[in-house]
Amino acid sequence: MNHGIEGKVCLITGAARGIGSATARLFAEAGAAVALFDRDEAGVTALAGQLRQQGTRAFGAALDVRDLDAYTQAVARAEQAFDGVDFIVNVAGGGSRQTLATMTSEDWHAIVDLNLTGPFNSIKAGAPALRRRGGGAIVTVASLAALTMSMNNGLSYTASKAGVLGLTRHAAFELGRDNIRVNAVLPGPVLTPQMKAKLSAEKLAAVPRTLPLGRWVQPEEVAAPILFFCSPMSSACTGTHVVIDCGLHVGSPNSRDEYDRTRDLEA
């Protein structure tokens, strides 16, 4: 089943691992060509090589999404390689646990430029390419923190992910006349390789107990709604988002005491 994606071209940032890698593999399985970008050039070129061996048209290259000129060049490279771009998926992002009290201006911009300016650059650089194809879709990975706040990351993360929703809505309004749809996905706790390496075995086991479904979100479960937002199945969807969090938004034992306690343990 190709979901109407077969023969299309998808540019994916943050593609070397985790959600980005899962998204690249899913689009490849659906028959799309994939242009993969990441700051980890070795990782993303290795993934592209694996996909080519499976018959997918793919390449991987380095990209700093904070740099508009570099993003514009990345889009141009994808157009040149595959004769156009139909979809852009923004997975690249990062976080910081710093609070308002500890954060500097430089700390703030380091996260906001990655999580919010990066998606802006994708729209600025990518919209003309999608327009040349008669339309397309842009999907950004935000976070459940965009609707609430992050208990595991700091102020800049929450603010930047909330900003993605505003960017998504406004860009959807402006680009609708060009048949370009703009949407976002909001994951909760995702069990990526990075998360496995970062957390203790105790913490990895504890997180599912806070979720109504009793388990972590898998990267492939975030990739699936990204594919949906690019496919004809979502042809009437723009300026909106979907939450993928195993029910975390329904309720959690986290509280301000828990928020402070985790930071006390790190002090």
Protein backbone atom coordinates (compact mmCIF):
# COMPACT_ATOMS: atom_id res chain seq x y z
CA MET A 1 0.00 0.00 0.00
CA ASN A 2 1.61 3.28 -1.10
CA HIS A 3 -0.91 5.73 0.42
CA GLY A 4 -0.63 7.90 -2.71
CA ILE A 5 3.04 8.57 -1.93
CA GLU A 6 4.63 6.37 -4.60
CA GLY A 7 6.78 8.38 -7.01
CA LYS A 8 6.73 11.49 -4.81
CA VAL A 9 9.78 13.19 -3.33
CA CYS A 10 10.20 13.90 0.38
CA LEU A 11 12.91 16.05 1.99
CA ILE A 12 13.48 15.09 5.63
CA THR A 13 15.67 16.88 8.18
CA GLY A 14 16.97 15.27 11.35
CA ALA A 15 16.91 12.03 9.38
CA ALA A 16 19.94 10.23 10.80
CA ARG A 17 18.18 8.52 13.69
CA GLY A 18 15.04 8.26 15.80
CA ILE A 19 11.86 9.77 14.40
CA GLY A 20 13.67 11.08 11.33
CA SER A 21 15.11 7.69 10.43
CA ALA A 22 11.76 5.97 10.99
CA THR A 23 10.09 8.56 8.76
CA ALA A 24 12.66 8.06 6.00
CA ARG A 25 12.13 4.30 6.09
CA LEU A 26 8.34 4.62 6.04
CA PHE A 27 8.33 6.98 3.06
CA ALA A 28 10.77 4.70 1.26
CA GLU A 29 8.48 1.72 1.89
CA ALA A 30 5.61 3.76 0.44
CA GLY A 31 7.57 4.28 -2.77
CA ALA A 32 8.83 7.84 -2.32
CA ALA A 33 12.28 9.17 -3.13
CA VAL A 34 13.91 10.67 -0.05
CA ALA A 35 16.40 13.51 0.35
CA LEU A 36 17.82 13.08 3.84
CA PHE A 37 19.58 15.81 5.80
CA ASP A 38 21.13 15.96 9.25
CA ARG A 39 24.05 17.56 11.07
CA ASP A 40 25.35 13.99 11.39
CA GLU A 41 26.54 13.58 7.81
CA ALA A 42 27.98 10.11 8.36
CA GLY A 43 24.76 8.83 9.89
CA VAL A 44 22.47 10.23 7.25
CA THR A 45 24.60 9.11 4.31
CA ALA A 46 24.74 5.60 5.80
CA LEU A 47 20.94 5.50 6.04
CA ALA A 48 20.59 6.72 2.46
CA GLY A 49 22.95 3.98 1.35
CA GLN A 50 20.86 1.33 3.09
CA LEU A 51 17.71 2.62 1.41
CA ARG A 52 19.35 2.67 -2.02
CA GLN A 53 20.30 -0.98 -1.56
CA GLN A 54 16.59 -1.66 -1.03
CA GLY A 55 15.70 0.07 -4.29
CA THR A 56 14.80 3.53 -3.01
CA ARG A 57 16.03 6.68 -4.69
CA ALA A 58 17.83 8.39 -1.82
CA PHE A 59 20.74 10.58 -0.86
CA GLY A 60 22.01 11.97 2.43
CA ALA A 61 23.89 15.17 3.18
CA ALA A 62 24.81 17.51 6.02
CA LEU A 63 22.55 20.45 6.86
CA ASP A 64 22.29 23.02 9.63
CA VAL A 65 18.59 23.92 9.51
CA ARG A 66 19.27 27.22 11.28
CA ASP A 67 20.99 28.52 8.13
CA LEU A 68 18.46 29.72 5.53
CA ASP A 69 20.99 29.80 2.71
CA ALA A 70 22.04 26.24 3.50
CA TYR A 71 18.40 25.14 3.60
CA THR A 72 17.76 26.78 0.25
CA GLN A 73 20.73 24.90 -1.20
CA ALA A 74 19.42 21.64 0.28
CA VAL A 75 16.06 22.12 -1.42
CA ALA A 76 17.80 22.93 -4.70
CA ARG A 77 19.90 19.78 -4.41
CA ALA A 78 16.81 17.65 -3.85
CA GLU A 79 15.08 19.25 -6.84
CA GLN A 80 18.11 18.61 -9.01
CA ALA A 81 18.43 14.99 -7.89
CA PHE A 82 14.77 14.05 -8.17
CA ASP A 83 13.26 16.67 -10.51
CA GLY A 84 11.25 18.29 -7.74
CA VAL A 85 10.14 18.16 -4.12
CA ASP A 86 6.62 17.30 -2.97
CA PHE A 87 6.95 17.10 0.82
CA ILE A 88 9.16 18.62 3.50
CA VAL A 89 9.34 17.01 6.94
CA ASN A 90 11.05 18.89 9.76
CA VAL A 91 12.31 16.50 12.40
CA ALA A 92 15.54 18.29 13.36
CA GLY A 93 15.30 19.74 16.86
CA GLY A 94 16.74 19.71 20.33
CA GLY A 95 16.19 20.66 23.93
CA SER A 96 17.72 22.09 27.07
CA ARG A 97 16.78 21.57 30.70
CA GLN A 98 17.71 25.08 31.78
CA THR A 99 15.20 27.15 33.71
CA LEU A 100 14.50 30.86 33.43
CA ALA A 101 16.89 31.48 36.30
CA THR A 102 19.85 29.75 34.67
CA MET A 103 19.28 30.47 30.99
CA THR A 104 21.36 33.03 29.09
CA SER A 105 20.37 34.78 25.88
CA GLU A 106 22.77 32.52 24.01
CA ASP A 107 21.15 29.44 25.56
CA TRP A 108 17.74 30.70 24.51
CA HIS A 109 18.71 31.27 20.89
CA ALA A 110 20.50 27.93 20.63
CA ILE A 111 17.20 26.09 21.10
CA VAL A 112 14.77 28.57 19.52
CA ASP A 113 16.88 28.86 16.39
CA LEU A 114 16.92 25.09 16.02
CA ASN A 115 13.30 24.31 16.90
CA LEU A 116 11.51 27.35 15.46
CA THR A 117 13.79 29.14 13.01
CA GLY A 118 14.60 25.78 11.40
CA PRO A 119 10.94 25.10 10.47
CA PHE A 120 10.58 28.72 9.32
CA ASN A 121 13.56 28.19 7.04
CA SER A 122 11.95 25.04 5.66
CA ILE A 123 8.83 26.97 4.70
CA LYS A 124 10.73 29.94 3.33
CA ALA A 125 13.09 27.78 1.27
CA GLY A 126 10.69 24.97 0.46
CA ALA A 127 7.44 26.71 -0.50
CA PRO A 128 8.71 27.83 -3.94
CA ALA A 129 9.76 24.25 -4.74
CA LEU A 130 6.38 22.86 -3.70
CA ARG A 131 4.65 25.59 -5.66
CA ARG A 132 6.54 24.48 -8.77
CA ARG A 133 5.02 21.01 -8.27
CA GLY A 134 1.51 22.42 -8.05
CA GLY A 135 1.33 21.97 -4.29
CA GLY A 136 2.53 19.66 -1.57
CA ALA A 137 2.82 19.32 2.19
CA ILE A 138 5.07 20.53 5.00
CA VAL A 139 5.02 18.69 8.32
CA THR A 140 6.93 19.71 11.45
CA VAL A 141 7.60 17.58 14.50
CA ALA A 142 6.69 19.77 17.48
CA SER A 143 5.94 18.28 20.91
CA LEU A 144 3.14 17.76 23.38
CA ALA A 145 4.94 20.54 25.27
CA ALA A 146 3.50 22.94 22.68
CA LEU A 147 0.11 22.51 24.37
CA THR A 148 1.22 22.25 27.98
CA MET A 149 4.87 22.55 29.03
CA SER A 150 7.84 20.25 29.14
CA MET A 151 8.66 18.56 32.43
CA ASN A 152 11.90 17.19 30.97
CA ASN A 153 13.12 20.21 29.01
CA GLY A 154 13.31 23.88 29.87
CA LEU A 155 11.66 27.17 28.98
CA SER A 156 13.22 27.57 25.54
CA TYR A 157 12.01 24.14 24.46
CA THR A 158 8.42 24.74 25.52
CA ALA A 159 8.34 28.20 23.92
CA SER A 160 9.89 27.07 20.65
CA LYS A 161 7.57 24.09 20.26
CA ALA A 162 4.54 26.28 21.00
CA GLY A 163 5.83 28.68 18.38
CA VAL A 164 5.79 25.88 15.82
CA LEU A 165 2.01 25.70 16.14
CA GLY A 166 1.63 29.41 15.43
CA LEU A 167 4.00 29.12 12.49
CA THR A 168 2.04 26.13 11.20
CA ARG A 169 -1.33 27.88 11.38
CA HIS A 170 -0.17 31.10 9.77
CA ALA A 171 1.82 29.40 7.01
CA ALA A 172 -1.17 27.17 6.27
CA PHE A 173 -3.30 30.28 5.77
CA GLU A 174 -0.82 31.97 3.46
CA LEU A 175 0.07 28.89 1.42
CA GLY A 176 -3.39 27.37 1.06
CA ARG A 177 -3.97 29.20 -2.20
CA ASP A 178 -0.91 27.40 -3.57
CA ASN A 179 -2.30 23.98 -2.60
CA ILE A 180 0.44 23.63 0.03
CA ARG A 181 -0.74 22.11 3.29
CA VAL A 182 1.13 22.79 6.53
CA ASN A 183 0.62 20.64 9.63
CA ALA A 184 2.42 19.44 12.76
CA VAL A 185 2.71 16.32 14.86
CA LEU A 186 3.07 16.51 18.64
CA PRO A 187 4.81 13.48 20.15
CA GLY A 188 4.89 12.70 23.82
CA PRO A 189 7.57 10.37 25.26
CA VAL A 190 9.22 8.59 22.32
CA LEU A 191 11.60 5.69 22.89
CA THR A 192 14.36 6.68 20.48
CA PRO A 193 17.91 5.29 20.58
CA GLN A 194 18.99 8.63 22.06
CA MET A 195 16.46 8.24 24.88
CA LYS A 196 17.61 4.70 25.60
CA ALA A 197 21.19 5.90 25.89
CA LYS A 198 20.27 8.92 28.01
CA LEU A 199 18.02 7.40 30.68
CA SER A 200 18.73 4.85 33.36
CA ALA A 201 17.00 1.48 33.27
CA GLU A 202 14.92 2.60 36.25
CA LYS A 203 13.68 5.71 34.45
CA LEU A 204 13.00 3.80 31.23
CA ALA A 205 10.77 1.44 33.21
CA ALA A 206 9.09 4.23 35.18
CA VAL A 207 7.89 6.37 32.28
CA PRO A 208 5.26 3.91 30.99
CA ARG A 209 3.62 3.89 34.41
CA THR A 210 2.71 7.55 33.89
CA LEU A 211 0.90 6.86 30.60
CA PRO A 212 -2.66 5.57 30.16
CA LEU A 213 -1.51 3.12 27.47
CA GLY A 214 1.27 1.93 29.74
CA ARG A 215 4.10 2.09 27.21
CA TRP A 216 6.44 4.39 25.32
CA VAL A 217 5.61 5.85 21.92
CA GLN A 218 7.73 4.21 19.21
CA PRO A 219 9.41 6.34 16.49
CA GLU A 220 7.40 4.52 13.82
CA GLU A 221 4.20 5.66 15.52
CA VAL A 222 5.22 9.27 14.94
CA ALA A 223 6.26 8.58 11.35
CA ALA A 224 2.80 7.20 10.53
CA PRO A 225 0.84 10.46 11.06
CA ILE A 226 3.60 12.34 9.25
CA LEU A 227 2.92 10.10 6.25
CA PHE A 228 -0.80 10.70 6.71
CA PHE A 229 -0.34 14.47 6.57
CA CYS A 230 1.57 14.13 3.29
CA SER A 231 -0.85 11.69 1.69
CA PRO A 232 -4.13 12.32 -0.15
CA MET A 233 -5.90 10.88 2.91
CA SER A 234 -5.38 14.27 4.61
CA SER A 235 -6.16 16.41 1.56
CA ALA A 236 -8.54 18.63 3.57
CA CYS A 237 -6.22 19.00 6.58
CA THR A 238 -4.07 22.09 6.97
CA GLY A 239 -3.05 24.33 9.85
CA THR A 240 -3.71 21.58 12.36
CA HIS A 241 -1.88 18.98 14.43
CA VAL A 242 -2.16 15.52 15.93
CA VAL A 243 -0.95 14.36 19.36
CA ILE A 244 0.91 11.03 19.63
CA ASP A 245 1.60 10.48 23.33
CA CYS A 246 0.09 7.20 24.56
CA GLY A 247 -2.44 9.34 26.43
CA LEU A 248 -0.07 11.54 28.43
CA HIS A 249 -2.24 14.61 27.77
CA VAL A 250 -5.15 12.88 29.51
CA GLY A 251 -3.38 12.94 32.84
CA SER A 252 -0.02 12.42 34.51
CA PRO A 253 1.27 12.25 38.08
CA ASN A 254 3.81 14.94 37.26
CA SER A 255 3.48 18.10 39.32
CA ARG A 256 5.47 21.19 40.22
CA ASP A 257 6.99 19.19 43.08
CA GLU A 258 8.15 16.54 40.62
CA TYR A 259 9.50 19.24 38.30
CA ASP A 260 11.58 20.74 41.10
CA ARG A 261 12.61 17.34 42.47
CA THR A 262 14.17 16.19 39.19
CA ARG A 263 16.31 19.31 39.11
CA ASP A 264 17.31 18.92 42.76
CA LEU A 265 18.56 15.42 41.94
CA GLU A 266 20.76 16.83 39.20
CA ALA A 267 22.22 19.61 41.32
